[in-house]
C-alpha cells in the first residue's frame, strides 16, 4: 500500500531523515530552492544522488487505522522563505 512519491524538479538529494510523527523525510536541493517530502514509509534514493523530474523517490506512508489514507507533505523553500507549492505545481510561478 501507499502511493509513489516523485520529485517535482531535477535536483540532488540533500538529506534523508526521520522526523517523529512524519515518518521519513527527503530534502532535495534545486539550486537556491529546496523541496521537502515528508510522511514516507520507504525511500528509494540516496544522499548525493541526482534525481530527475517525476523520478520515484519513495513510497508514501499509508495509515491502516484511517482507511489506508496516504498523505504526502510537500514543502518548497527559497533560502529561508517558505513558498506556496500550489503556485509551483500549477505552473503559475
PDB file of N, CA and C in Angstrom:
ATOM      1  N   UNK A   1       0.832  -1.193   0.000  1.00  0.00           N
ATOM      2  CA  UNK A   1       0.000   0.000   0.000  1.00  0.00           C
ATOM      3  C   UNK A   1       0.868   1.245   0.000  1.00  0.00           C
ATOM      4  N   UNK A   2       0.264   2.348  -0.357  1.00  0.00           N
ATOM      5  CA  UNK A   2       0.971   3.621  -0.387  1.00  0.00           C
ATOM      6  C   UNK A   2       1.215   4.074  -1.806  1.00  0.00           C
ATOM      7  N   UNK A   3       1.116   5.359  -2.010  1.00  0.00           N
ATOM      8  CA  UNK A   3       1.338   5.951  -3.327  1.00  0.00           C
ATOM      9  C   UNK A   3       2.815   6.243  -3.540  1.00  0.00           C
ATOM     10  N   UNK A   4       3.202   6.335  -4.795  1.00  0.00           N
ATOM     11  CA  UNK A   4       4.583   6.662  -5.142  1.00  0.00           C
ATOM     12  C   UNK A   4       4.792   8.161  -4.982  1.00  0.00           C
ATOM     13  N   UNK A   5       5.885   8.544  -4.327  1.00  0.00           N
ATOM     14  CA  UNK A   5       6.294   9.946  -4.223  1.00  0.00           C
ATOM     15  C   UNK A   5       7.315  10.194  -5.319  1.00  0.00           C
ATOM     16  N   UNK A   6       7.160  11.308  -6.033  1.00  0.00           N
ATOM     17  CA  UNK A   6       8.055  11.629  -7.144  1.00  0.00           C
ATOM     18  C   UNK A   6       8.629  13.030  -6.983  1.00  0.00           C
ATOM     19  N   UNK A   7       9.856  13.211  -7.450  1.00  0.00           N
ATOM     20  CA  UNK A   7      10.496  14.527  -7.420  1.00  0.00           C
ATOM     21  C   UNK A   7       9.735  15.466  -8.356  1.00  0.00           C
ATOM     22  N   UNK A   8       9.501  16.711  -7.908  1.00  0.00           N
ATOM     23  CA  UNK A   8       8.766  17.644  -8.764  1.00  0.00           C
ATOM     24  C   UNK A   8       9.692  18.452  -9.671  1.00  0.00           C
ATOM     25  N   UNK A   9      11.015  18.424  -9.394  1.00  0.00           N
ATOM     26  CA  UNK A   9      12.003  19.105 -10.235  1.00  0.00           C
ATOM     27  C   UNK A   9      13.290  18.287 -10.223  1.00  0.00           C
ATOM     28  N   UNK A  10      14.161  18.508 -11.204  1.00  0.00           N
ATOM     29  CA  UNK A  10      15.509  17.937 -11.176  1.00  0.00           C
ATOM     30  C   UNK A  10      16.238  18.482  -9.957  1.00  0.00           C
ATOM     31  N   UNK A  11      17.063  17.662  -9.320  1.00  0.00           N
ATOM     32  CA  UNK A  11      17.818  18.133  -8.163  1.00  0.00           C
ATOM     33  C   UNK A  11      18.762  17.078  -7.631  1.00  0.00           C
ATOM     34  N   UNK A  12      19.289  17.336  -6.436  1.00  0.00           N
ATOM     35  CA  UNK A  12      20.219  16.429  -5.762  1.00  0.00           C
ATOM     36  C   UNK A  12      19.679  16.155  -4.365  1.00  0.00           C
ATOM     37  N   UNK A  13      19.682  14.879  -3.968  1.00  0.00           N
ATOM     38  CA  UNK A  13      19.213  14.516  -2.633  1.00  0.00           C
ATOM     39  C   UNK A  13      20.186  15.095  -1.613  1.00  0.00           C
ATOM     40  N   UNK A  14      19.676  15.983  -0.765  1.00  0.00           N
ATOM     41  CA  UNK A  14      20.497  16.674   0.223  1.00  0.00           C
ATOM     42  C   UNK A  14      20.512  15.938   1.563  1.00  0.00           C
ATOM     43  N   UNK A  15      19.327  15.505   2.017  1.00  0.00           N
ATOM     44  CA  UNK A  15      19.221  14.798   3.300  1.00  0.00           C
ATOM     45  C   UNK A  15      18.073  13.811   3.260  1.00  0.00           C
ATOM     46  N   UNK A  16      18.220  12.756   4.052  1.00  0.00           N
ATOM     47  CA  UNK A  16      17.142  11.811   4.322  1.00  0.00           C
ATOM     48  C   UNK A  16      17.126  11.648   5.828  1.00  0.00           C
ATOM     49  N   UNK A  17      16.005  12.018   6.448  1.00  0.00           N
ATOM     50  CA  UNK A  17      15.925  11.989   7.910  1.00  0.00           C
ATOM     51  C   UNK A  17      14.594  11.392   8.357  1.00  0.00           C
ATOM     52  N   UNK A  18      14.547  10.989   9.624  1.00  0.00           N
ATOM     53  CA  UNK A  18      13.294  10.561  10.238  1.00  0.00           C
ATOM     54  C   UNK A  18      12.851  11.647  11.198  1.00  0.00           C
ATOM     55  N   UNK A  19      11.584  12.040  11.079  1.00  0.00           N
ATOM     56  CA  UNK A  19      11.014  13.065  11.946  1.00  0.00           C
ATOM     57  C   UNK A  19       9.840  12.431  12.679  1.00  0.00           C
ATOM     58  N   UNK A  20       9.843  12.463  14.017  1.00  0.00           N
ATOM     59  CA  UNK A  20       8.723  11.883  14.761  1.00  0.00           C
ATOM     60  C   UNK A  20       7.382  12.456  14.283  1.00  0.00           C
ATOM     61  N   UNK A  21       6.447  11.572  13.975  1.00  0.00           N
ATOM     62  CA  UNK A  21       5.128  11.981  13.519  1.00  0.00           C
ATOM     63  C   UNK A  21       5.050  12.240  12.021  1.00  0.00           C
ATOM     64  N   UNK A  22       6.189  12.250  11.338  1.00  0.00           N
ATOM     65  CA  UNK A  22       6.197  12.493   9.887  1.00  0.00           C
ATOM     66  C   UNK A  22       6.923  11.377   9.134  1.00  0.00           C
ATOM     67  N   UNK A  23       7.285  10.305   9.847  1.00  0.00           N
ATOM     68  CA  UNK A  23       7.993   9.176   9.251  1.00  0.00           C
ATOM     69  C   UNK A  23       9.294   9.636   8.605  1.00  0.00           C
ATOM     70  N   UNK A  24       9.590   9.170   7.403  1.00  0.00           N
ATOM     71  CA  UNK A  24      10.851   9.553   6.743  1.00  0.00           C
ATOM     72  C   UNK A  24      10.635  10.810   5.901  1.00  0.00           C
ATOM     73  N   UNK A  25      11.686  11.616   5.809  1.00  0.00           N
ATOM     74  CA  UNK A  25      11.640  12.877   5.066  1.00  0.00           C
ATOM     75  C   UNK A  25      12.839  12.955   4.134  1.00  0.00           C
ATOM     76  N   UNK A  26      12.595  13.395   2.900  1.00  0.00           N
ATOM     77  CA  UNK A  26      13.656  13.602   1.911  1.00  0.00           C
ATOM     78  C   UNK A  26      13.724  15.093   1.597  1.00  0.00           C
ATOM     79  N   UNK A  27      14.939  15.634   1.584  1.00  0.00           N
ATOM     80  CA  UNK A  27      15.155  17.027   1.188  1.00  0.00           C
ATOM     81  C   UNK A  27      15.974  17.018  -0.100  1.00  0.00           C
ATOM     82  N   UNK A  28      15.451  17.687  -1.122  1.00  0.00           N
ATOM     83  CA  UNK A  28      16.123  17.770  -2.419  1.00  0.00           C
ATOM     84  C   UNK A  28      16.510  19.221  -2.684  1.00  0.00           C
ATOM     85  N   UNK A  29      17.761  19.423  -3.083  1.00  0.00           N
ATOM     86  CA  UNK A  29      18.245  20.768  -3.429  1.00  0.00           C
ATOM     87  C   UNK A  29      18.113  20.970  -4.932  1.00  0.00           C
ATOM     88  N   UNK A  30      17.572  22.146  -5.274  1.00  0.00           N
ATOM     89  CA  UNK A  30      17.404  22.559  -6.672  1.00  0.00           C
ATOM     90  C   UNK A  30      18.007  23.961  -6.775  1.00  0.00           C
ATOM     91  N   UNK A  31      19.315  24.068  -6.804  1.00  0.00           N
ATOM     92  CA  UNK A  31      19.959  25.388  -6.814  1.00  0.00           C
ATOM     93  C   UNK A  31      19.679  26.122  -5.510  1.00  0.00           C
ATOM     94  N   UNK A  32      19.012  27.288  -5.589  1.00  0.00           N
ATOM     95  CA  UNK A  32      18.667  28.074  -4.397  1.00  0.00           C
ATOM     96  C   UNK A  32      17.397  27.590  -3.714  1.00  0.00           C
ATOM     97  N   UNK A  33      16.751  26.579  -4.272  1.00  0.00           N
ATOM     98  CA  UNK A  33      15.490  26.081  -3.734  1.00  0.00           C
ATOM     99  C   UNK A  33      15.677  24.703  -3.106  1.00  0.00           C
ATOM    100  N   UNK A  34      14.796  24.384  -2.151  1.00  0.00           N
ATOM    101  CA  UNK A  34      14.725  23.055  -1.545  1.00  0.00           C
ATOM    102  C   UNK A  34      13.286  22.571  -1.638  1.00  0.00           C
ATOM    103  N   UNK A  35      13.115  21.267  -1.892  1.00  0.00           N
ATOM    104  CA  UNK A  35      11.805  20.657  -1.726  1.00  0.00           C
ATOM    105  C   UNK A  35      11.933  19.624  -0.617  1.00  0.00           C
ATOM    106  N   UNK A  36      10.893  19.552   0.218  1.00  0.00           N
ATOM    107  CA  UNK A  36      10.880  18.667   1.377  1.00  0.00           C
ATOM    108  C   UNK A  36       9.657  17.765   1.246  1.00  0.00           C
ATOM    109  N   UNK A  37       9.890  16.458   1.257  1.00  0.00           N
ATOM    110  CA  UNK A  37       8.831  15.462   1.125  1.00  0.00           C
ATOM    111  C   UNK A  37       8.773  14.678   2.428  1.00  0.00           C
ATOM    112  N   UNK A  38       7.670  14.804   3.175  1.00  0.00           N
ATOM    113  CA  UNK A  38       7.550  14.124   4.473  1.00  0.00           C
ATOM    114  C   UNK A  38       6.409  13.122   4.455  1.00  0.00           C
ATOM    115  N   UNK A  39       6.464  12.180   5.378  1.00  0.00           N
ATOM    116  CA  UNK A  39       5.494  11.113   5.599  1.00  0.00           C
ATOM    117  C   UNK A  39       5.708   9.948   4.633  1.00  0.00           C
ATOM    118  N   UNK A  40       6.975   9.604   4.415  1.00  0.00           N
ATOM    119  CA  UNK A  40       7.315   8.475   3.556  1.00  0.00           C
ATOM    120  C   UNK A  40       7.579   7.235   4.400  1.00  0.00           C
ATOM    121  N   UNK A  41       7.087   6.084   3.939  1.00  0.00           N
ATOM    122  CA  UNK A  41       7.402   4.840   4.646  1.00  0.00           C
ATOM    123  C   UNK A  41       8.635   4.181   4.052  1.00  0.00           C
ATOM    124  N   UNK A  42       8.905   4.444   2.770  1.00  0.00           N
ATOM    125  CA  UNK A  42      10.088   3.894   2.104  1.00  0.00           C
ATOM    126  C   UNK A  42      10.772   4.990   1.304  1.00  0.00           C
ATOM    127  N   UNK A  43      12.089   4.895   1.223  1.00  0.00           N
ATOM    128  CA  UNK A  43      12.892   5.839   0.450  1.00  0.00           C
ATOM    129  C   UNK A  43      13.638   5.049  -0.615  1.00  0.00           C
ATOM    130  N   UNK A  44      13.613   5.508  -1.874  1.00  0.00           N
ATOM    131  CA  UNK A  44      14.290   4.789  -2.956  1.00  0.00           C
ATOM    132  C   UNK A  44      15.481   5.528  -3.537  1.00  0.00           C
ATOM    133  N   UNK A  45      15.994   6.514  -2.813  1.00  0.00           N
ATOM    134  CA  UNK A  45      17.140   7.303  -3.273  1.00  0.00           C
ATOM    135  C   UNK A  45      18.169   7.386  -2.153  1.00  0.00           C
ATOM    136  N   UNK A  46      19.347   7.902  -2.483  1.00  0.00           N
ATOM    137  CA  UNK A  46      20.422   8.058  -1.501  1.00  0.00           C
ATOM    138  C   UNK A  46      20.926   9.498  -1.506  1.00  0.00           C
ATOM    139  N   UNK A  47      21.471   9.922  -0.377  1.00  0.00           N
ATOM    140  CA  UNK A  47      22.047  11.263  -0.273  1.00  0.00           C
ATOM    141  C   UNK A  47      23.127  11.429  -1.344  1.00  0.00           C
ATOM    142  N   UNK A  48      23.107  12.570  -2.032  1.00  0.00           N
ATOM    143  CA  UNK A  48      24.070  12.853  -3.091  1.00  0.00           C
ATOM    144  C   UNK A  48      23.615  12.430  -4.475  1.00  0.00           C
ATOM    145  N   UNK A  49      22.567  11.634  -4.546  1.00  0.00           N
ATOM    146  CA  UNK A  49      22.065  11.147  -5.832  1.00  0.00           C
ATOM    147  C   UNK A  49      21.352  12.262  -6.594  1.00  0.00           C
ATOM    148  N   UNK A  50      21.583  12.330  -7.910  1.00  0.00           N
ATOM    149  CA  UNK A  50      20.862  13.270  -8.765  1.00  0.00           C
ATOM    150  C   UNK A  50      19.536  12.634  -9.152  1.00  0.00           C
ATOM    151  N   UNK A  51      18.462  13.429  -9.088  1.00  0.00           N
ATOM    152  CA  UNK A  51      17.141  12.936  -9.471  1.00  0.00           C
ATOM    153  C   UNK A  51      16.569  13.832 -10.563  1.00  0.00           C
ATOM    154  N   UNK A  52      15.706  13.244 -11.344  1.00  0.00           N
ATOM    155  CA  UNK A  52      15.044  13.946 -12.444  1.00  0.00           C
ATOM    156  C   UNK A  52      13.581  14.202 -12.081  1.00  0.00           C
ATOM    157  N   UNK A  53      12.982  15.169 -12.744  1.00  0.00           N
ATOM    158  CA  UNK A  53      11.563  15.455 -12.567  1.00  0.00           C
ATOM    159  C   UNK A  53      10.750  14.177 -12.783  1.00  0.00           C
ATOM    160  N   UNK A  54       9.832  13.914 -11.873  1.00  0.00           N
ATOM    161  CA  UNK A  54       8.920  12.758 -11.880  1.00  0.00           C
ATOM    162  C   UNK A  54       9.593  11.436 -11.515  1.00  0.00           C
ATOM    163  N   UNK A  55      10.871  11.456 -11.140  1.00  0.00           N
ATOM    164  CA  UNK A  55      11.542  10.224 -10.719  1.00  0.00           C
ATOM    165  C   UNK A  55      10.984   9.775  -9.374  1.00  0.00           C
ATOM    166  N   UNK A  56      10.787   8.475  -9.226  1.00  0.00           N
ATOM    167  CA  UNK A  56      10.327   7.917  -7.954  1.00  0.00           C
ATOM    168  C   UNK A  56      11.394   8.145  -6.893  1.00  0.00           C
ATOM    169  N   UNK A  57      10.977   8.706  -5.743  1.00  0.00           N
ATOM    170  CA  UNK A  57      11.911   8.903  -4.636  1.00  0.00           C
ATOM    171  C   UNK A  57      11.518   8.090  -3.404  1.00  0.00           C
ATOM    172  N   UNK A  58      10.282   7.577  -3.384  1.00  0.00           N
ATOM    173  CA  UNK A  58       9.858   6.782  -2.238  1.00  0.00           C
ATOM    174  C   UNK A  58       8.392   6.395  -2.326  1.00  0.00           C
ATOM    175  N   UNK A  59       7.921   5.806  -1.211  1.00  0.00           N
ATOM    176  CA  UNK A  59       6.520   5.399  -1.073  1.00  0.00           C
ATOM    177  C   UNK A  59       5.933   6.148   0.121  1.00  0.00           C
ATOM    178  N   UNK A  60       4.752   6.730  -0.085  1.00  0.00           N
ATOM    179  CA  UNK A  60       4.084   7.491   0.967  1.00  0.00           C
ATOM    180  C   UNK A  60       3.497   6.527   1.995  1.00  0.00           C
ATOM    181  N   UNK A  61       3.616   6.888   3.272  1.00  0.00           N
ATOM    182  CA  UNK A  61       3.059   6.103   4.366  1.00  0.00           C
ATOM    183  C   UNK A  61       1.551   5.977   4.185  1.00  0.00           C
ATOM    184  N   UNK A  62       1.032   4.787   4.405  1.00  0.00           N
ATOM    185  CA  UNK A  62      -0.400   4.515   4.318  1.00  0.00           C
ATOM    186  C   UNK A  62      -0.901   4.167   5.712  1.00  0.00           C
ATOM    187  N   UNK A  63      -1.850   4.940   6.230  1.00  0.00           N
ATOM    188  CA  UNK A  63      -2.346   4.777   7.600  1.00  0.00           C
ATOM    189  C   UNK A  63      -3.447   3.722   7.648  1.00  0.00           C
ATOM    190  N   UNK A  64      -3.106   2.514   8.092  1.00  0.00           N
ATOM    191  CA  UNK A  64      -4.067   1.409   8.140  1.00  0.00           C
ATOM    192  C   UNK A  64      -5.187   1.663   9.142  1.00  0.00           C
ATOM    193  N   UNK A  65      -4.970   2.566  10.091  1.00  0.00           N
ATOM    194  CA  UNK A  65      -6.008   2.884  11.078  1.00  0.00           C
ATOM    195  C   UNK A  65      -6.941   3.990  10.586  1.00  0.00           C
ATOM    196  N   UNK A  66      -6.675   4.552   9.420  1.00  0.00           N
ATOM    197  CA  UNK A  66      -7.505   5.627   8.870  1.00  0.00           C
ATOM    198  C   UNK A  66      -7.787   5.363   7.392  1.00  0.00           C
ATOM    199  N   UNK A  67      -8.440   4.232   7.118  1.00  0.00           N
ATOM    200  CA  UNK A  67      -8.859   3.848   5.772  1.00  0.00           C
ATOM    201  C   UNK A  67      -7.719   3.846   4.752  1.00  0.00           C
ATOM    202  N   UNK A  68      -6.495   3.527   5.216  1.00  0.00           N
ATOM    203  CA  UNK A  68      -5.308   3.473   4.353  1.00  0.00           C
ATOM    204  C   UNK A  68      -5.040   4.779   3.606  1.00  0.00           C
ATOM    205  N   UNK A  69      -5.376   5.897   4.237  1.00  0.00           N
ATOM    206  CA  UNK A  69      -5.112   7.203   3.625  1.00  0.00           C
ATOM    207  C   UNK A  69      -3.615   7.428   3.494  1.00  0.00           C
ATOM    208  N   UNK A  70      -3.225   7.995   2.359  1.00  0.00           N
ATOM    209  CA  UNK A  70      -1.829   8.371   2.133  1.00  0.00           C
ATOM    210  C   UNK A  70      -1.771   9.884   1.993  1.00  0.00           C
ATOM    211  N   UNK A  71      -0.971  10.521   2.839  1.00  0.00           N
ATOM    212  CA  UNK A  71      -0.840  11.976   2.792  1.00  0.00           C
ATOM    213  C   UNK A  71       0.639  12.327   2.734  1.00  0.00           C
ATOM    214  N   UNK A  72       1.042  12.904   1.617  1.00  0.00           N
ATOM    215  CA  UNK A  72       2.410  13.378   1.450  1.00  0.00           C
ATOM    216  C   UNK A  72       2.437  14.855   1.809  1.00  0.00           C
ATOM    217  N   UNK A  73       3.354  15.239   2.687  1.00  0.00           N
ATOM    218  CA  UNK A  73       3.533  16.657   2.988  1.00  0.00           C
ATOM    219  C   UNK A  73       4.668  17.175   2.118  1.00  0.00           C
ATOM    220  N   UNK A  74       4.381  18.192   1.320  1.00  0.00           N
ATOM    221  CA  UNK A  74       5.369  18.790   0.425  1.00  0.00           C
ATOM    222  C   UNK A  74       5.602  20.241   0.823  1.00  0.00           C
ATOM    223  N   UNK A  75       6.863  20.602   0.977  1.00  0.00           N
ATOM    224  CA  UNK A  75       7.229  21.995   1.231  1.00  0.00           C
ATOM    225  C   UNK A  75       8.246  22.421   0.178  1.00  0.00           C
ATOM    226  N   UNK A  76       8.174  23.692  -0.208  1.00  0.00           N
ATOM    227  CA  UNK A  76       9.159  24.281  -1.116  1.00  0.00           C
ATOM    228  C   UNK A  76       9.730  25.512  -0.431  1.00  0.00           C
ATOM    229  N   UNK A  77      11.057  25.597  -0.400  1.00  0.00           N
ATOM    230  CA  UNK A  77      11.754  26.711   0.249  1.00  0.00           C
ATOM    231  C   UNK A  77      12.680  27.398  -0.738  1.00  0.00           C
ATOM    232  N   UNK A  78      12.723  28.721  -0.669  1.00  0.00           N
ATOM    233  CA  UNK A  78      13.710  29.516  -1.405  1.00  0.00           C
ATOM    234  C   UNK A  78      14.524  30.229  -0.339  1.00  0.00           C
ATOM    235  N   UNK A  79      15.732  29.722  -0.084  1.00  0.00           N
ATOM    236  CA  UNK A  79      16.511  30.222   1.057  1.00  0.00           C
ATOM    237  C   UNK A  79      15.760  29.898   2.335  1.00  0.00           C
ATOM    238  N   UNK A  80      15.405  30.931   3.118  1.00  0.00           N
ATOM    239  CA  UNK A  80      14.659  30.716   4.366  1.00  0.00           C
ATOM    240  C   UNK A  80      13.179  31.056   4.207  1.00  0.00           C
ATOM    241  N   UNK A  81      12.742  31.325   2.984  1.00  0.00           N
ATOM    242  CA  UNK A  81      11.346  31.699   2.735  1.00  0.00           C
ATOM    243  C   UNK A  81      10.554  30.507   2.199  1.00  0.00           C
ATOM    244  N   UNK A  82       9.538  30.109   2.962  1.00  0.00           N
ATOM    245  CA  UNK A  82       8.674  29.016   2.543  1.00  0.00           C
ATOM    246  C   UNK A  82       7.779  29.493   1.397  1.00  0.00           C
ATOM    247  N   UNK A  83       7.675  28.683   0.356  1.00  0.00           N
ATOM    248  CA  UNK A  83       6.884  29.007  -0.828  1.00  0.00           C
ATOM    249  C   UNK A  83       5.549  28.264  -0.787  1.00  0.00           C
ATOM    250  N   UNK A  84       4.593  28.730  -1.564  1.00  0.00           N
ATOM    251  CA  UNK A  84       3.315  28.042  -1.690  1.00  0.00           C
ATOM    252  C   UNK A  84       3.439  27.010  -2.817  1.00  0.00           C
ATOM    253  N   UNK A  85       3.400  25.710  -2.491  1.00  0.00           N
ATOM    254  CA  UNK A  85       3.573  24.678  -3.524  1.00  0.00           C
ATOM    255  C   UNK A  85       2.535  24.745  -4.643  1.00  0.00           C
ATOM    256  N   UNK A  86       1.342  25.265  -4.350  1.00  0.00           N
ATOM    257  CA  UNK A  86       0.300  25.326  -5.379  1.00  0.00           C
ATOM    258  C   UNK A  86       0.753  26.123  -6.595  1.00  0.00           C
ATOM    259  N   UNK A  87       1.465  27.228  -6.373  1.00  0.00           N
ATOM    260  CA  UNK A  87       1.945  28.043  -7.493  1.00  0.00           C
ATOM    261  C   UNK A  87       2.929  27.264  -8.354  1.00  0.00           C
ATOM    262  N   UNK A  88       3.777  26.465  -7.714  1.00  0.00           N
ATOM    263  CA  UNK A  88       4.800  25.711  -8.441  1.00  0.00           C
ATOM    264  C   UNK A  88       4.194  24.531  -9.185  1.00  0.00           C
ATOM    265  N   UNK A  89       3.256  23.854  -8.551  1.00  0.00           N
ATOM    266  CA  UNK A  89       2.667  22.671  -9.177  1.00  0.00           C
ATOM    267  C   UNK A  89       1.720  23.039 -10.311  1.00  0.00           C
ATOM    268  N   UNK A  90       1.122  24.232 -10.237  1.00  0.00           N
ATOM    269  CA  UNK A  90       0.195  24.659 -11.289  1.00  0.00           C
ATOM    270  C   UNK A  90       0.914  25.316 -12.457  1.00  0.00           C
ATOM    271  N   UNK A  91       2.206  25.631 -12.268  1.00  0.00           N
ATOM    272  CA  UNK A  91       2.980  26.265 -13.330  1.00  0.00           C
ATOM    273  C   UNK A  91       2.753  27.755 -13.446  1.00  0.00           C
ATOM    274  N   UNK A  92       2.130  28.365 -12.417  1.00  0.00           N
ATOM    275  CA  UNK A  92       1.840  29.801 -12.486  1.00  0.00           C
ATOM    276  C   UNK A  92       2.871  30.647 -11.762  1.00  0.00           C
ATOM    277  N   UNK A  93       4.067  30.094 -11.482  1.00  0.00           N
ATOM    278  CA  UNK A  93       5.095  30.856 -10.767  1.00  0.00           C
ATOM    279  C   UNK A  93       5.668  31.846 -11.689  1.00  0.00           C
TER     280      UNK A  93
END
